[in-house]
Protein backbone atom coordinates (compact mmCIF):
# COMPACT_ATOMS: atom_id res chain seq x y z
CA UNK A 1 -1.24 5.03 2.09
CA UNK A 2 -3.69 5.11 -0.75
CA UNK A 3 -3.40 5.26 -4.76
CA UNK A 4 -5.09 8.41 -4.69
CA UNK A 5 -3.16 9.96 -1.99
CA UNK A 6 -0.06 8.91 -4.10
CA UNK A 7 -1.21 10.17 -7.39
CA UNK A 8 -2.99 13.46 -6.44
CA UNK A 9 -0.23 15.59 -5.45
CA UNK A 10 1.48 14.05 -8.18
CA UNK A 11 -0.92 15.28 -10.59
CA UNK A 12 -1.16 18.70 -8.91
CA UNK A 13 2.72 19.53 -8.96
CA UNK A 14 3.03 18.26 -12.71
CA UNK A 15 0.19 20.74 -13.77
CA UNK A 16 2.62 23.28 -12.08
CA UNK A 17 5.47 22.33 -13.88
CA UNK A 18 3.93 22.59 -17.03
CA UNK A 19 2.35 26.07 -16.52
CA UNK A 20 6.43 27.07 -15.40
CA UNK A 21 7.84 25.54 -18.80
CA UNK A 22 5.65 28.49 -20.50
CA UNK A 23 7.02 31.05 -18.45
CA UNK A 24 11.04 32.31 -18.17
CA UNK A 25 11.78 31.82 -14.70
CA UNK A 26 14.35 29.21 -14.56
CA UNK A 27 14.97 28.62 -11.12
CA UNK A 28 11.06 28.06 -10.40
CA UNK A 29 11.11 25.60 -13.63
CA UNK A 30 14.51 23.90 -12.12
CA UNK A 31 12.89 23.66 -8.64
CA UNK A 32 9.83 22.11 -10.10
CA UNK A 33 10.96 20.00 -12.47
CA UNK A 34 13.38 18.11 -9.81
CA UNK A 35 10.59 18.14 -7.11
CA UNK A 36 8.28 16.35 -10.09
CA UNK A 37 11.00 13.91 -10.99
CA UNK A 38 11.41 12.73 -7.48
CA UNK A 39 8.03 12.03 -7.15
CA UNK A 40 7.89 9.19 -9.84
CA UNK A 41 11.23 7.84 -8.93
CA UNK A 42 12.96 5.90 -6.01
CA UNK A 43 13.11 8.45 -3.04
CA UNK A 44 16.97 7.20 -2.73
CA UNK A 45 17.13 9.20 -5.58
CA UNK A 46 16.59 12.81 -4.60
CA UNK A 47 17.26 11.68 -1.16
CA UNK A 48 13.83 11.94 -0.30
CA UNK A 49 12.67 10.47 3.33
CA UNK A 50 9.23 9.48 2.17
CA UNK A 51 8.17 6.21 0.04
CA UNK A 52 6.99 7.36 -3.54
CA UNK A 53 4.87 5.44 -6.02
CA UNK A 54 7.80 4.20 -7.56
CA UNK A 55 9.22 2.46 -4.40
CA UNK A 56 5.83 0.52 -3.49
CA UNK A 57 6.21 -0.44 -7.08
CA UNK A 58 9.79 -0.99 -6.68
CA UNK A 59 9.69 -3.19 -3.21
CA UNK A 60 6.58 -5.35 -4.62
CA UNK A 61 9.92 -6.27 -7.18
CA UNK A 62 12.42 -7.20 -5.50
CA UNK A 63 10.01 -9.14 -2.80
CA UNK A 64 10.17 -12.15 -5.98
CA UNK A 65 7.60 -10.48 -8.04
CA UNK A 66 9.90 -9.33 -10.78
CA UNK A 67 7.42 -11.64 -12.98
CA UNK A 68 3.82 -10.68 -12.30
CA UNK A 69 2.13 -9.98 -15.09
CA UNK A 70 0.47 -6.66 -15.73
CA UNK A 71 -1.03 -4.35 -18.24
CA UNK A 72 1.16 -2.16 -20.01
CA UNK A 73 -0.56 0.98 -19.25
CA UNK A 74 -4.29 1.61 -17.98
CA UNK A 75 -5.14 3.80 -21.21
CA UNK A 76 -4.20 3.67 -24.72
CA UNK A 77 -1.12 6.23 -25.58
CA UNK A 78 1.20 4.40 -27.71
CA UNK A 79 -0.34 1.11 -27.29
CA UNK A 80 -1.08 0.85 -30.91
CA UNK A 81 2.77 0.55 -31.32
CA UNK A 82 3.53 -1.92 -28.90
CA UNK A 83 4.22 -5.62 -29.20
CA UNK A 84 2.13 -6.59 -26.45
CA UNK A 85 -0.33 -4.96 -23.97
CA UNK A 86 0.87 -7.17 -20.85
CA UNK A 87 4.30 -7.25 -19.47
CA UNK A 88 6.19 -8.85 -16.36
CA UNK A 89 7.04 -6.13 -13.79
CA UNK A 90 10.58 -5.82 -14.62
CA UNK A 91 10.05 -5.22 -17.84
CA UNK A 92 7.88 -2.05 -16.29
CA UNK A 93 10.99 -0.63 -15.28
CA UNK A 94 13.27 -1.84 -17.89
CA UNK A 95 11.66 0.18 -20.30
CA UNK A 96 11.22 3.53 -18.41
CA UNK A 97 14.86 3.86 -17.50
CA UNK A 98 16.16 2.57 -20.75
CA UNK A 99 14.08 5.73 -21.96
CA UNK A 100 15.16 7.87 -19.29
CA UNK A 101 18.96 7.01 -19.74
CA UNK A 102 18.70 7.58 -23.60
CA UNK A 103 16.75 10.60 -23.55
CA UNK A 104 18.34 12.66 -20.87
CA UNK A 105 22.33 11.94 -21.58
CA UNK A 106 22.07 11.42 -25.26
CA UNK A 107 19.43 14.20 -26.46
CA UNK A 108 19.39 16.33 -23.37
CA UNK A 109 22.96 16.54 -22.41
CA UNK A 110 24.58 15.05 -25.76
CA UNK A 111 27.18 12.69 -23.74
CA UNK A 112 27.10 8.81 -23.25
CA UNK A 113 24.18 7.26 -21.94
CA UNK A 114 24.85 5.18 -18.39
CA UNK A 115 23.85 1.89 -20.35
CA UNK A 116 26.71 -0.25 -21.52
CA UNK A 117 28.14 -3.70 -21.85
CA UNK A 118 28.93 -4.49 -18.35
CA UNK A 119 25.27 -3.13 -17.26
CA UNK A 120 23.59 -5.43 -19.67
CA UNK A 121 25.49 -8.07 -17.90
CA UNK A 122 24.82 -7.44 -14.92
CA UNK A 123 20.68 -6.86 -15.58
CA UNK A 124 21.06 -10.23 -17.34
CA UNK A 125 18.89 -8.37 -20.16
CA UNK A 126 18.57 -10.11 -23.35
CA UNK A 127 18.10 -6.64 -25.34
CA UNK A 128 19.49 -3.29 -25.26
CA UNK A 129 16.69 -1.03 -26.53
CA UNK A 130 13.63 -0.02 -25.08
CA UNK A 131 11.34 -3.71 -25.44
CA UNK A 132 8.68 -1.52 -27.01
CA UNK A 133 8.56 -4.00 -29.97
CA UNK A 134 8.64 -7.13 -28.11
CA UNK A 135 5.63 -9.67 -27.81
CA UNK A 136 3.99 -11.21 -24.89
CA UNK A 137 6.03 -14.19 -25.08
CA UNK A 138 9.42 -12.26 -25.71
CA UNK A 139 8.56 -10.27 -22.58
CA UNK A 140 8.22 -13.10 -20.81
CA UNK A 141 11.04 -14.55 -21.65
CA UNK A 142 13.10 -11.08 -21.25
CA UNK A 143 11.63 -10.96 -17.84
CA UNK A 144 12.64 -14.56 -16.50
CA UNK A 145 16.31 -13.70 -16.91
CA UNK A 146 16.31 -10.40 -15.39
CA UNK A 147 18.09 -9.79 -11.92
CA UNK A 148 15.89 -7.35 -10.22
CA UNK A 149 18.46 -5.95 -7.72
CA UNK A 150 20.69 -5.06 -10.51
CA UNK A 151 17.85 -3.45 -12.22
CA UNK A 152 17.52 -1.65 -9.55
CA UNK A 153 21.28 0.02 -9.30
CA UNK A 154 20.90 0.86 -12.77
CA UNK A 155 17.49 2.81 -12.17
CA UNK A 156 19.69 4.69 -9.21
CA UNK A 157 22.58 5.48 -11.43
CA UNK A 158 20.05 6.83 -14.33
CA UNK A 159 17.82 8.68 -12.11
CA UNK A 160 20.51 10.48 -10.18
CA UNK A 161 22.27 11.04 -13.22
CA UNK A 162 19.55 12.55 -14.59
CA UNK A 163 19.14 15.19 -11.84
CA UNK A 164 22.72 16.54 -12.45
CA UNK A 165 21.65 17.22 -16.34
CA UNK A 166 17.98 18.42 -14.74
CA UNK A 167 19.51 21.21 -12.18
CA UNK A 168 21.90 22.63 -15.19
CA UNK A 169 19.54 23.27 -18.08
CA UNK A 170 19.75 26.49 -19.14
CA UNK A 171 16.34 28.38 -20.48
CA UNK A 172 17.73 28.35 -24.14
CA UNK A 173 18.30 24.59 -23.82
CA UNK A 174 14.82 24.13 -22.17
CA UNK A 175 13.22 25.75 -25.07
CA UNK A 176 15.46 24.32 -28.03
CA UNK A 177 14.82 21.02 -30.06
CA UNK A 178 18.24 18.90 -30.50
CA UNK A 179 20.30 18.05 -33.93
CA UNK A 180 18.86 15.13 -35.99
CA UNK A 181 22.63 13.69 -35.46
CA UNK A 182 21.65 13.16 -31.91
CA UNK A 183 18.31 11.30 -32.09
CA UNK A 184 19.80 9.07 -34.66
CA UNK A 185 22.61 8.14 -32.41
CA UNK A 186 19.96 6.42 -30.21
CA UNK A 187 19.71 3.94 -33.18
CA UNK A 188 23.29 3.63 -33.33
CA UNK A 189 23.99 2.29 -30.34
CA UNK A 190 21.38 0.48 -30.12
CA UNK A 191 18.53 2.09 -27.92
CA UNK A 192 15.73 1.33 -30.41
CA UNK A 193 15.18 -1.18 -33.36
CA UNK A 194 14.69 -0.85 -36.69
CA UNK A 195 11.16 -2.53 -36.29
CA UNK A 196 8.29 -0.12 -36.89
CA UNK A 197 6.71 -0.51 -33.20
CA UNK A 198 10.47 0.75 -31.73
CA UNK A 199 11.84 3.27 -34.00
CA UNK A 200 8.83 5.55 -34.41
CA UNK A 201 10.14 6.62 -30.93
CA UNK A 202 12.88 8.53 -32.41
CA UNK A 203 10.60 10.59 -34.40
CA UNK A 204 8.74 11.30 -31.22
CA UNK A 205 11.65 12.17 -29.32
CA UNK A 206 13.07 14.36 -32.39
CA UNK A 207 9.95 16.68 -32.22
CA UNK A 208 10.22 17.57 -28.62
CA UNK A 209 12.08 20.71 -27.23
CA UNK A 210 14.62 19.68 -24.01
CA UNK A 211 11.29 21.21 -22.03
CA UNK A 212 9.19 18.83 -23.61
CA UNK A 213 11.24 15.84 -22.77
CA UNK A 214 10.75 16.79 -19.06
CA UNK A 215 7.01 16.62 -19.35
CA UNK A 216 7.15 13.36 -21.22
CA UNK A 217 10.58 10.71 -20.66
CA UNK A 218 11.30 12.54 -17.60
CA UNK A 219 8.04 12.33 -15.20
CA UNK A 220 4.92 12.43 -17.33
CA UNK A 221 6.56 8.86 -19.01
CA UNK A 222 6.81 6.97 -15.71
CA UNK A 223 3.11 7.96 -14.55
CA UNK A 224 2.13 6.22 -17.64
CA UNK A 225 3.65 2.76 -16.52
CA UNK A 226 3.76 2.72 -12.73
CA UNK A 227 -0.53 2.93 -12.09
CA UNK A 228 -1.26 -0.59 -13.75
CA UNK A 229 1.24 -1.75 -11.33
CA UNK A 230 -0.30 -0.35 -8.59
CA UNK A 231 -3.96 -0.87 -9.80
CA UNK A 232 -3.06 -4.40 -10.51
CA UNK A 233 -1.27 -6.03 -7.75
CA UNK A 234 -1.72 -6.09 -4.27
CA UNK A 235 0.41 -3.36 -3.59
CA UNK A 236 -1.19 -0.84 -1.71
CA UNK A 237 -5.10 -0.76 -0.74
């Protein structure tokens, strides 16, 4: 499997999803949302049988490489608000799944996030937020304490929970924004910090409809962080 063989179908299906979100066919929107979500998450989450881009990176991490250093992203998107441009591999998964947990549960469904003190202890994380503001040495230290297998269990739990939320969204919900108090819950519950490199996320998420949340935190955000791992580690040819 080559990188292009992995990436091209995702890009094509993502563009199809973007077009569908401009329409009114809720069944088509749900179908494509779940398809794209499945393509950028480990196959176990959707019950798939073929390895995904996330599986290749996850397998590499679980093989004792959680602290392999990779670029945070391959292109500048929010790096001007980032503490570091280089991170340990495990940070990539922590960051993307903490964001998915926070956005899907608190913003999209107005319910409790999956993460709690028990999960924090299992994973061995020194932080509860998304890790946006960590400096390089802080990110490296963070990675040293992470239990990669517990992090993987958290990822699977979050991803499956997200799919339950996505399959039940109505067209009205998809097109609507969420109340400001829901957004502020993320700060109150430690999902972001008051550091400007972290708290800016609240402004960004607060401007999205749930459809925008489908297109970014639930799907495309993963494709901002997975390719740098494949491109800079000996995972694929």
